[in-house]
All heavy atoms as atom14 arrays in JSON, in Angstrom:
{
  "sequence": "NGFSSSMPMETQLRALRQIPALRDVKIYRPGYAIEYDYFDPTQL",
  "atom14_mask": [
    [1, 1, 1, 1, 1, 1, 1, 1, 0, 0, 0, 0, 0, 0],
    [1, 1, 1, 1, 0, 0, 0, 0, 0, 0, 0, 0, 0, 0],
    [1, 1, 1, 1, 1, 1, 1, 1, 1, 1, 1, 0, 0, 0],
    [1, 1, 1, 1, 1, 1, 0, 0, 0, 0, 0, 0, 0, 0],
    [1, 1, 1, 1, 1, 1, 0, 0, 0, 0, 0, 0, 0, 0],
    [1, 1, 1, 1, 1, 1, 0, 0, 0, 0, 0, 0, 0, 0],
    [1, 1, 1, 1, 1, 1, 1, 1, 0, 0, 0, 0, 0, 0],
    [1, 1, 1, 1, 1, 1, 1, 0, 0, 0, 0, 0, 0, 0],
    [1, 1, 1, 1, 1, 1, 1, 1, 0, 0, 0, 0, 0, 0],
    [1, 1, 1, 1, 1, 1, 1, 1, 1, 0, 0, 0, 0, 0],
    [1, 1, 1, 1, 1, 1, 1, 0, 0, 0, 0, 0, 0, 0],
    [1, 1, 1, 1, 1, 1, 1, 1, 1, 0, 0, 0, 0, 0],
    [1, 1, 1, 1, 1, 1, 1, 1, 0, 0, 0, 0, 0, 0],
    [1, 1, 1, 1, 1, 1, 1, 1, 1, 1, 1, 0, 0, 0],
    [1, 1, 1, 1, 1, 0, 0, 0, 0, 0, 0, 0, 0, 0],
    [1, 1, 1, 1, 1, 1, 1, 1, 0, 0, 0, 0, 0, 0],
    [1, 1, 1, 1, 1, 1, 1, 1, 1, 1, 1, 0, 0, 0],
    [1, 1, 1, 1, 1, 1, 1, 1, 1, 0, 0, 0, 0, 0],
    [1, 1, 1, 1, 1, 1, 1, 1, 0, 0, 0, 0, 0, 0],
    [1, 1, 1, 1, 1, 1, 1, 0, 0, 0, 0, 0, 0, 0],
    [1, 1, 1, 1, 1, 0, 0, 0, 0, 0, 0, 0, 0, 0],
    [1, 1, 1, 1, 1, 1, 1, 1, 0, 0, 0, 0, 0, 0],
    [1, 1, 1, 1, 1, 1, 1, 1, 1, 1, 1, 0, 0, 0],
    [1, 1, 1, 1, 1, 1, 1, 1, 0, 0, 0, 0, 0, 0],
    [1, 1, 1, 1, 1, 1, 1, 0, 0, 0, 0, 0, 0, 0],
    [1, 1, 1, 1, 1, 1, 1, 1, 1, 0, 0, 0, 0, 0],
    [1, 1, 1, 1, 1, 1, 1, 1, 0, 0, 0, 0, 0, 0],
    [1, 1, 1, 1, 1, 1, 1, 1, 1, 1, 1, 1, 0, 0],
    [1, 1, 1, 1, 1, 1, 1, 1, 1, 1, 1, 0, 0, 0],
    [1, 1, 1, 1, 1, 1, 1, 0, 0, 0, 0, 0, 0, 0],
    [1, 1, 1, 1, 0, 0, 0, 0, 0, 0, 0, 0, 0, 0],
    [1, 1, 1, 1, 1, 1, 1, 1, 1, 1, 1, 1, 0, 0],
    [1, 1, 1, 1, 1, 0, 0, 0, 0, 0, 0, 0, 0, 0],
    [1, 1, 1, 1, 1, 1, 1, 1, 0, 0, 0, 0, 0, 0],
    [1, 1, 1, 1, 1, 1, 1, 1, 1, 0, 0, 0, 0, 0],
    [1, 1, 1, 1, 1, 1, 1, 1, 1, 1, 1, 1, 0, 0],
    [1, 1, 1, 1, 1, 1, 1, 1, 0, 0, 0, 0, 0, 0],
    [1, 1, 1, 1, 1, 1, 1, 1, 1, 1, 1, 1, 0, 0],
    [1, 1, 1, 1, 1, 1, 1, 1, 1, 1, 1, 0, 0, 0],
    [1, 1, 1, 1, 1, 1, 1, 1, 0, 0, 0, 0, 0, 0],
    [1, 1, 1, 1, 1, 1, 1, 0, 0, 0, 0, 0, 0, 0],
    [1, 1, 1, 1, 1, 1, 1, 0, 0, 0, 0, 0, 0, 0],
    [1, 1, 1, 1, 1, 1, 1, 1, 1, 0, 0, 0, 0, 0],
    [1, 1, 1, 1, 1, 1, 1, 1, 0, 0, 0, 0, 0, 0]
  ],
  "atom14_positions": [
    [[-5.17, -2.72, -7.41], [-4.58, -4.04, -7.24], [-3.19, -4.05, -7.88], [-3.02, -3.67, -9.03], [-5.49, -5.07, -7.92], [-5.2, -6.48, -7.47], [-4.13, -6.78, -6.97], [-6.17, -7.36, -7.66], [0.0, 0.0, 0.0], [0.0, 0.0, 0.0], [0.0, 0.0, 0.0], [0.0, 0.0, 0.0], [0.0, 0.0, 0.0], [0.0, 0.0, 0.0]],
    [[-2.18, -4.51, -7.12], [-0.82, -4.56, -7.61], [0.07, -3.47, -7.05], [1.27, -3.43, -7.35], [0.0, 0.0, 0.0], [0.0, 0.0, 0.0], [0.0, 0.0, 0.0], [0.0, 0.0, 0.0], [0.0, 0.0, 0.0], [0.0, 0.0, 0.0], [0.0, 0.0, 0.0], [0.0, 0.0, 0.0], [0.0, 0.0, 0.0], [0.0, 0.0, 0.0]],
    [[-0.51, -2.57, -6.23], [0.28, -1.48, -5.68], [0.18, -1.48, -4.15], [0.06, -0.43, -3.53], [-0.19, -0.13, -6.25], [0.86, 0.95, -6.21], [1.73, 1.11, -7.28], [0.98, 1.8, -5.13], [2.7, 2.11, -7.26], [1.94, 2.8, -5.11], [2.8, 2.95, -6.17], [0.0, 0.0, 0.0], [0.0, 0.0, 0.0], [0.0, 0.0, 0.0]],
    [[0.23, -2.66, -3.55], [0.31, -2.73, -2.09], [1.61, -2.08, -1.65], [2.66, -2.31, -2.25], [0.26, -4.19, -1.64], [0.34, -4.28, -0.24], [0.0, 0.0, 0.0], [0.0, 0.0, 0.0], [0.0, 0.0, 0.0], [0.0, 0.0, 0.0], [0.0, 0.0, 0.0], [0.0, 0.0, 0.0], [0.0, 0.0, 0.0], [0.0, 0.0, 0.0]],
    [[1.54, -1.25, -0.6], [2.75, -0.53, -0.2], [2.63, -0.04, 1.23], [1.54, 0.21, 1.74], [2.97, 0.67, -1.12], [4.14, 1.39, -0.75], [0.0, 0.0, 0.0], [0.0, 0.0, 0.0], [0.0, 0.0, 0.0], [0.0, 0.0, 0.0], [0.0, 0.0, 0.0], [0.0, 0.0, 0.0], [0.0, 0.0, 0.0], [0.0, 0.0, 0.0]],
    [[3.8, 0.09, 1.88], [3.88, 0.74, 3.19], [4.87, 1.9, 3.14], [5.37, 2.35, 4.17], [4.29, -0.27, 4.26], [5.53, -0.88, 3.93], [0.0, 0.0, 0.0], [0.0, 0.0, 0.0], [0.0, 0.0, 0.0], [0.0, 0.0, 0.0], [0.0, 0.0, 0.0], [0.0, 0.0, 0.0], [0.0, 0.0, 0.0], [0.0, 0.0, 0.0]],
    [[5.18, 2.37, 1.93], [6.07, 3.52, 1.76], [5.4, 4.78, 2.34], [4.18, 4.8, 2.53], [6.38, 3.73, 0.28], [7.14, 2.6, -0.38], [8.88, 2.52, 0.09], [9.56, 3.82, -0.93], [0.0, 0.0, 0.0], [0.0, 0.0, 0.0], [0.0, 0.0, 0.0], [0.0, 0.0, 0.0], [0.0, 0.0, 0.0], [0.0, 0.0, 0.0]],
    [[6.17, 5.83, 2.6], [5.55, 7.07, 3.08], [4.45, 7.55, 2.12], [4.54, 7.33, 0.9], [6.72, 8.06, 3.11], [7.92, 7.2, 3.31], [7.64, 5.94, 2.55], [0.0, 0.0, 0.0], [0.0, 0.0, 0.0], [0.0, 0.0, 0.0], [0.0, 0.0, 0.0], [0.0, 0.0, 0.0], [0.0, 0.0, 0.0], [0.0, 0.0, 0.0]],
    [[3.43, 8.18, 2.68], [2.27, 8.59, 1.88], [2.68, 9.48, 0.71], [2.21, 9.31, -0.42], [1.27, 9.33, 2.77], [0.05, 9.83, 2.05], [-1.18, 10.49, 3.19], [-0.26, 11.86, 3.93], [0.0, 0.0, 0.0], [0.0, 0.0, 0.0], [0.0, 0.0, 0.0], [0.0, 0.0, 0.0], [0.0, 0.0, 0.0], [0.0, 0.0, 0.0]],
    [[3.57, 10.44, 0.95], [3.99, 11.35, -0.11], [4.69, 10.6, -1.23], [4.53, 10.92, -2.41], [4.92, 12.43, 0.46], [4.29, 13.28, 1.56], [4.34, 12.62, 2.92], [4.86, 11.47, 3.03], [3.83, 13.21, 3.9], [0.0, 0.0, 0.0], [0.0, 0.0, 0.0], [0.0, 0.0, 0.0], [0.0, 0.0, 0.0], [0.0, 0.0, 0.0]],
    [[5.49, 9.6, -0.88], [6.21, 8.81, -1.88], [5.23, 8.01, -2.74], [5.38, 7.93, -3.97], [7.21, 7.87, -1.19], [8.07, 8.63, -0.36], [8.03, 7.1, -2.21], [0.0, 0.0, 0.0], [0.0, 0.0, 0.0], [0.0, 0.0, 0.0], [0.0, 0.0, 0.0], [0.0, 0.0, 0.0], [0.0, 0.0, 0.0], [0.0, 0.0, 0.0]],
    [[4.24, 7.4, -2.1], [3.24, 6.66, -2.85], [2.54, 7.55, -3.87], [2.39, 7.18, -5.04], [2.19, 6.06, -1.89], [2.71, 4.98, -0.96], [1.6, 4.36, -0.14], [0.51, 4.09, -0.65], [1.86, 4.12, 1.15], [0.0, 0.0, 0.0], [0.0, 0.0, 0.0], [0.0, 0.0, 0.0], [0.0, 0.0, 0.0], [0.0, 0.0, 0.0]],
    [[2.14, 8.74, -3.44], [1.39, 9.63, -4.32], [2.26, 10.13, -5.47], [1.83, 10.16, -6.64], [0.83, 10.8, -3.52], [-0.08, 11.78, -4.29], [-1.25, 11.04, -4.93], [-0.58, 12.88, -3.36], [0.0, 0.0, 0.0], [0.0, 0.0, 0.0], [0.0, 0.0, 0.0], [0.0, 0.0, 0.0], [0.0, 0.0, 0.0], [0.0, 0.0, 0.0]],
    [[3.51, 10.51, -5.19], [4.39, 11.0, -6.25], [4.67, 9.91, -7.29], [4.71, 10.17, -8.49], [5.71, 11.49, -5.64], [5.59, 12.86, -4.97], [6.95, 13.49, -4.7], [7.76, 12.69, -3.78], [8.92, 12.15, -4.09], [9.43, 12.31, -5.32], [9.6, 11.45, -3.2], [0.0, 0.0, 0.0], [0.0, 0.0, 0.0], [0.0, 0.0, 0.0]],
    [[4.84, 8.68, -6.82], [5.08, 7.57, -7.76], [3.84, 7.3, -8.62], [3.95, 7.07, -9.83], [5.47, 6.31, -6.99], [0.0, 0.0, 0.0], [0.0, 0.0, 0.0], [0.0, 0.0, 0.0], [0.0, 0.0, 0.0], [0.0, 0.0, 0.0], [0.0, 0.0, 0.0], [0.0, 0.0, 0.0], [0.0, 0.0, 0.0], [0.0, 0.0, 0.0]],
    [[2.66, 7.32, -8.0], [1.43, 7.07, -8.75], [1.26, 8.07, -9.88], [0.82, 7.73, -10.98], [0.23, 7.13, -7.81], [0.05, 5.97, -6.83], [-1.04, 6.28, -5.83], [-0.26, 4.67, -7.57], [0.0, 0.0, 0.0], [0.0, 0.0, 0.0], [0.0, 0.0, 0.0], [0.0, 0.0, 0.0], [0.0, 0.0, 0.0], [0.0, 0.0, 0.0]],
    [[1.62, 9.31, -9.64], [1.4, 10.37, -10.63], [2.4, 10.31, -11.79], [2.31, 11.11, -12.71], [1.42, 11.73, -9.94], [0.15, 11.95, -9.11], [0.11, 13.28, -8.41], [-1.2, 13.5, -7.8], [-1.48, 14.49, -6.96], [-0.52, 15.36, -6.61], [-2.69, 14.63, -6.47], [0.0, 0.0, 0.0], [0.0, 0.0, 0.0], [0.0, 0.0, 0.0]],
    [[3.34, 9.35, -11.74], [4.22, 9.08, -12.87], [3.61, 8.07, -13.84], [4.21, 7.74, -14.86], [5.58, 8.58, -12.38], [6.32, 9.55, -11.49], [6.56, 10.89, -12.16], [7.02, 10.95, -13.3], [6.23, 11.98, -11.46], [0.0, 0.0, 0.0], [0.0, 0.0, 0.0], [0.0, 0.0, 0.0], [0.0, 0.0, 0.0], [0.0, 0.0, 0.0]],
    [[2.43, 7.58, -13.52], [1.72, 6.62, -14.37], [0.71, 7.41, -15.19], [-0.09, 8.17, -14.62], [1.03, 5.55, -13.51], [2.09, 4.78, -12.7], [0.2, 4.61, -14.37], [1.51, 3.91, -11.6], [0.0, 0.0, 0.0], [0.0, 0.0, 0.0], [0.0, 0.0, 0.0], [0.0, 0.0, 0.0], [0.0, 0.0, 0.0], [0.0, 0.0, 0.0]],
    [[0.72, 7.32, -16.52], [-0.14, 8.18, -17.35], [-1.6, 8.22, -16.92], [-2.19, 9.29, -16.84], [0.03, 7.58, -18.76], [1.41, 7.01, -18.74], [1.62, 6.49, -17.35], [0.0, 0.0, 0.0], [0.0, 0.0, 0.0], [0.0, 0.0, 0.0], [0.0, 0.0, 0.0], [0.0, 0.0, 0.0], [0.0, 0.0, 0.0], [0.0, 0.0, 0.0]],
    [[-2.18, 7.08, -16.65], [-3.6, 7.06, -16.28], [-3.86, 7.71, -14.93], [-5.0, 8.1, -14.63], [-4.11, 5.62, -16.27], [0.0, 0.0, 0.0], [0.0, 0.0, 0.0], [0.0, 0.0, 0.0], [0.0, 0.0, 0.0], [0.0, 0.0, 0.0], [0.0, 0.0, 0.0], [0.0, 0.0, 0.0], [0.0, 0.0, 0.0], [0.0, 0.0, 0.0]],
    [[-2.81, 7.84, -14.11], [-2.97, 8.35, -12.74], [-2.24, 9.68, -12.55], [-1.96, 10.08, -11.42], [-2.45, 7.32, -11.74], [-3.02, 5.9, -11.87], [-2.39, 4.97, -10.85], [-4.54, 5.9, -11.74], [0.0, 0.0, 0.0], [0.0, 0.0, 0.0], [0.0, 0.0, 0.0], [0.0, 0.0, 0.0], [0.0, 0.0, 0.0], [0.0, 0.0, 0.0]],
    [[-1.98, 10.37, -13.63], [-1.14, 11.58, -13.53], [-1.79, 12.69, -12.7], [-1.09, 13.55, -12.15], [-0.81, 12.09, -14.93], [-2.01, 12.43, -15.81], [-1.55, 12.78, -17.22], [-2.65, 13.07, -18.14], [-3.25, 12.16, -18.89], [-2.88, 10.88, -18.8], [-4.22, 12.51, -19.72], [0.0, 0.0, 0.0], [0.0, 0.0, 0.0], [0.0, 0.0, 0.0]],
    [[-3.12, 12.69, -12.6], [-3.81, 13.71, -11.8], [-4.55, 13.08, -10.63], [-5.49, 13.69, -10.08], [-4.81, 14.46, -12.69], [-4.12, 15.23, -13.8], [-3.11, 15.89, -13.52], [-4.59, 15.15, -14.96], [0.0, 0.0, 0.0], [0.0, 0.0, 0.0], [0.0, 0.0, 0.0], [0.0, 0.0, 0.0], [0.0, 0.0, 0.0], [0.0, 0.0, 0.0]],
    [[-4.17, 11.88, -10.22], [-4.97, 11.11, -9.27], [-5.0, 11.75, -7.89], [-4.03, 12.36, -7.42], [-4.44, 9.66, -9.19], [-3.15, 9.57, -8.38], [-5.5, 8.73, -8.6], [0.0, 0.0, 0.0], [0.0, 0.0, 0.0], [0.0, 0.0, 0.0], [0.0, 0.0, 0.0], [0.0, 0.0, 0.0], [0.0, 0.0, 0.0], [0.0, 0.0, 0.0]],
    [[-6.15, 11.63, -7.26], [-6.31, 11.93, -5.84], [-6.57, 10.61, -5.12], [-7.15, 9.68, -5.71], [-7.48, 12.88, -5.6], [-7.26, 14.28, -6.14], [-8.47, 15.17, -5.82], [-8.27, 16.58, -6.36], [-9.46, 17.43, -6.07], [0.0, 0.0, 0.0], [0.0, 0.0, 0.0], [0.0, 0.0, 0.0], [0.0, 0.0, 0.0], [0.0, 0.0, 0.0]],
    [[-6.16, 10.54, -3.86], [-6.33, 9.29, -3.11], [-7.2, 9.54, -1.89], [-7.24, 10.63, -1.35], [-4.98, 8.68, -2.71], [-4.24, 9.57, -1.71], [-4.12, 8.42, -3.93], [-2.96, 8.96, -1.16], [0.0, 0.0, 0.0], [0.0, 0.0, 0.0], [0.0, 0.0, 0.0], [0.0, 0.0, 0.0], [0.0, 0.0, 0.0], [0.0, 0.0, 0.0]],
    [[-7.91, 8.48, -1.49], [-8.7, 8.54, -0.26], [-7.84, 8.22, 0.96], [-8.04, 8.78, 2.03], [-9.88, 7.56, -0.33], [-10.97, 8.0, -1.27], [-11.13, 7.39, -2.51], [-11.85, 9.01, -0.91], [-12.14, 7.78, -3.36], [-12.87, 9.41, -1.76], [-13.01, 8.79, -2.99], [-14.01, 9.2, -3.84], [0.0, 0.0, 0.0], [0.0, 0.0, 0.0]],
    [[-6.92, 7.29, 0.78], [-5.96, 6.97, 1.84], [-4.81, 6.18, 1.23], [-4.97, 5.53, 0.19], [-6.61, 6.18, 2.99], [-7.1, 4.8, 2.62], [-7.42, 4.02, 3.89], [-8.03, 2.74, 3.64], [-7.39, 1.64, 3.27], [-6.1, 1.69, 3.07], [-8.04, 0.51, 3.08], [0.0, 0.0, 0.0], [0.0, 0.0, 0.0], [0.0, 0.0, 0.0]],
    [[-3.63, 6.25, 1.84], [-2.48, 5.51, 1.29], [-2.55, 4.03, 1.63], [-3.34, 3.6, 2.49], [-1.29, 6.18, 1.99], [-1.85, 6.62, 3.31], [-3.28, 7.03, 3.03], [0.0, 0.0, 0.0], [0.0, 0.0, 0.0], [0.0, 0.0, 0.0], [0.0, 0.0, 0.0], [0.0, 0.0, 0.0], [0.0, 0.0, 0.0], [0.0, 0.0, 0.0]],
    [[-1.72, 3.26, 0.97], [-1.54, 1.86, 1.37], [-0.79, 1.79, 2.68], [-0.1, 2.73, 3.07], [0.0, 0.0, 0.0], [0.0, 0.0, 0.0], [0.0, 0.0, 0.0], [0.0, 0.0, 0.0], [0.0, 0.0, 0.0], [0.0, 0.0, 0.0], [0.0, 0.0, 0.0], [0.0, 0.0, 0.0], [0.0, 0.0, 0.0], [0.0, 0.0, 0.0]],
    [[-0.9, 0.67, 3.36], [-0.19, 0.48, 4.63], [0.1, -1.0, 4.84], [-0.52, -1.87, 4.21], [-0.98, 1.05, 5.81], [-2.31, 0.37, 6.07], [-2.4, -0.76, 6.9], [-3.49, 0.86, 5.52], [-3.61, -1.38, 7.15], [-4.7, 0.25, 5.77], [-4.77, -0.87, 6.58], [-5.97, -1.48, 6.82], [0.0, 0.0, 0.0], [0.0, 0.0, 0.0]],
    [[1.05, -1.27, 5.72], [1.34, -2.65, 6.13], [0.83, -2.84, 7.55], [0.64, -1.87, 8.3], [2.84, -2.91, 6.08], [0.0, 0.0, 0.0], [0.0, 0.0, 0.0], [0.0, 0.0, 0.0], [0.0, 0.0, 0.0], [0.0, 0.0, 0.0], [0.0, 0.0, 0.0], [0.0, 0.0, 0.0], [0.0, 0.0, 0.0], [0.0, 0.0, 0.0]],
    [[0.57, -4.08, 7.91], [0.14, -4.39, 9.27], [0.82, -5.66, 9.75], [0.88, -6.66, 9.02], [-1.41, -4.52, 9.36], [-1.84, -4.87, 10.78], [-1.94, -5.53, 8.35], [-3.33, -4.8, 11.01], [0.0, 0.0, 0.0], [0.0, 0.0, 0.0], [0.0, 0.0, 0.0], [0.0, 0.0, 0.0], [0.0, 0.0, 0.0], [0.0, 0.0, 0.0]],
    [[1.36, -5.61, 10.96], [1.9, -6.79, 11.64], [0.9, -7.26, 12.68], [0.22, -6.45, 13.31], [3.22, -6.45, 12.32], [4.37, -6.19, 11.38], [5.66, -5.96, 12.14], [5.81, -4.85, 12.7], [6.51, -6.87, 12.18], [0.0, 0.0, 0.0], [0.0, 0.0, 0.0], [0.0, 0.0, 0.0], [0.0, 0.0, 0.0], [0.0, 0.0, 0.0]],
    [[0.85, -8.58, 12.87], [-0.15, -9.13, 13.8], [0.34, -10.49, 14.31], [1.25, -11.09, 13.75], [-1.5, -9.29, 13.1], [-1.43, -10.13, 11.84], [-1.69, -11.5, 11.87], [-1.07, -9.55, 10.62], [-1.61, -12.27, 10.72], [-0.98, -10.33, 9.47], [-1.26, -11.67, 9.52], [-1.16, -12.44, 8.39], [0.0, 0.0, 0.0], [0.0, 0.0, 0.0]],
    [[-0.3, -10.96, 15.36], [0.04, -12.26, 15.95], [-0.7, -13.39, 15.25], [-1.86, -13.24, 14.84], [-0.35, -12.3, 17.44], [0.45, -11.32, 18.29], [1.55, -10.94, 17.86], [-0.04, -10.94, 19.37], [0.0, 0.0, 0.0], [0.0, 0.0, 0.0], [0.0, 0.0, 0.0], [0.0, 0.0, 0.0], [0.0, 0.0, 0.0], [0.0, 0.0, 0.0]],
    [[-0.04, -14.52, 15.15], [-0.71, -15.75, 14.73], [-0.19, -16.89, 15.61], [0.82, -16.74, 16.31], [-0.46, -16.06, 13.25], [0.89, -16.67, 12.96], [1.03, -18.05, 12.81], [2.03, -15.88, 12.85], [2.29, -18.61, 12.56], [3.27, -16.44, 12.6], [3.39, -17.8, 12.45], [4.61, -18.36, 12.22], [0.0, 0.0, 0.0], [0.0, 0.0, 0.0]],
    [[-0.88, -18.01, 15.59], [-0.52, -19.16, 16.42], [-0.05, -20.31, 15.54], [-0.58, -20.51, 14.44], [-1.72, -19.59, 17.28], [-2.25, -18.49, 18.14], [-3.42, -17.83, 17.8], [-1.58, -18.09, 19.28], [-3.92, -16.8, 18.57], [-2.06, -17.07, 20.07], [-3.23, -16.41, 19.72], [0.0, 0.0, 0.0], [0.0, 0.0, 0.0], [0.0, 0.0, 0.0]],
    [[0.94, -21.04, 16.01], [1.54, -22.13, 15.24], [0.47, -23.18, 14.92], [-0.04, -23.85, 15.83], [2.66, -22.76, 16.07], [3.37, -23.89, 15.33], [2.95, -24.23, 14.21], [4.33, -24.45, 15.9], [0.0, 0.0, 0.0], [0.0, 0.0, 0.0], [0.0, 0.0, 0.0], [0.0, 0.0, 0.0], [0.0, 0.0, 0.0], [0.0, 0.0, 0.0]],
    [[0.1, -23.35, 13.64], [-0.99, -24.28, 13.31], [-0.62, -25.76, 13.49], [-1.52, -26.61, 13.48], [-1.3, -23.95, 11.85], [-0.03, -23.39, 11.31], [0.6, -22.65, 12.45], [0.0, 0.0, 0.0], [0.0, 0.0, 0.0], [0.0, 0.0, 0.0], [0.0, 0.0, 0.0], [0.0, 0.0, 0.0], [0.0, 0.0, 0.0], [0.0, 0.0, 0.0]],
    [[0.69, -26.08, 13.65], [1.03, -27.48, 13.89], [0.59, -27.92, 15.28], [0.65, -29.12, 15.59], [2.54, -27.72, 13.73], [3.27, -26.98, 14.71], [3.01, -27.34, 12.33], [0.0, 0.0, 0.0], [0.0, 0.0, 0.0], [0.0, 0.0, 0.0], [0.0, 0.0, 0.0], [0.0, 0.0, 0.0], [0.0, 0.0, 0.0], [0.0, 0.0, 0.0]],
    [[0.15, -27.0, 16.12], [-0.38, -27.34, 17.44], [-1.89, -27.57, 17.4], [-2.54, -27.65, 18.43], [-0.05, -26.23, 18.44], [1.44, -26.11, 18.74], [1.73, -25.11, 19.84], [1.47, -23.92, 19.73], [2.27, -25.61, 20.94], [0.0, 0.0, 0.0], [0.0, 0.0, 0.0], [0.0, 0.0, 0.0], [0.0, 0.0, 0.0], [0.0, 0.0, 0.0]],
    [[-2.42, -27.7, 16.17], [-3.85, -27.96, 15.98], [-4.08, -29.37, 15.46], [-3.26, -29.91, 14.73], [-4.45, -26.97, 14.98], [-4.44, -25.49, 15.33], [-4.98, -24.68, 14.16], [-5.25, -25.22, 16.59], [0.0, 0.0, 0.0], [0.0, 0.0, 0.0], [0.0, 0.0, 0.0], [0.0, 0.0, 0.0], [0.0, 0.0, 0.0], [0.0, 0.0, 0.0]]
  ]
}
């Protein structure tokens, strides 16, 4: 929590390993962003 990101996977991992508690961390998958459609709620 607090490390939401859409940076390249390699960049995310290299940055994480600069944090003492995560210096040897392995990841299951990187963070990502998602774009999606929504509808104008003032039409409700």
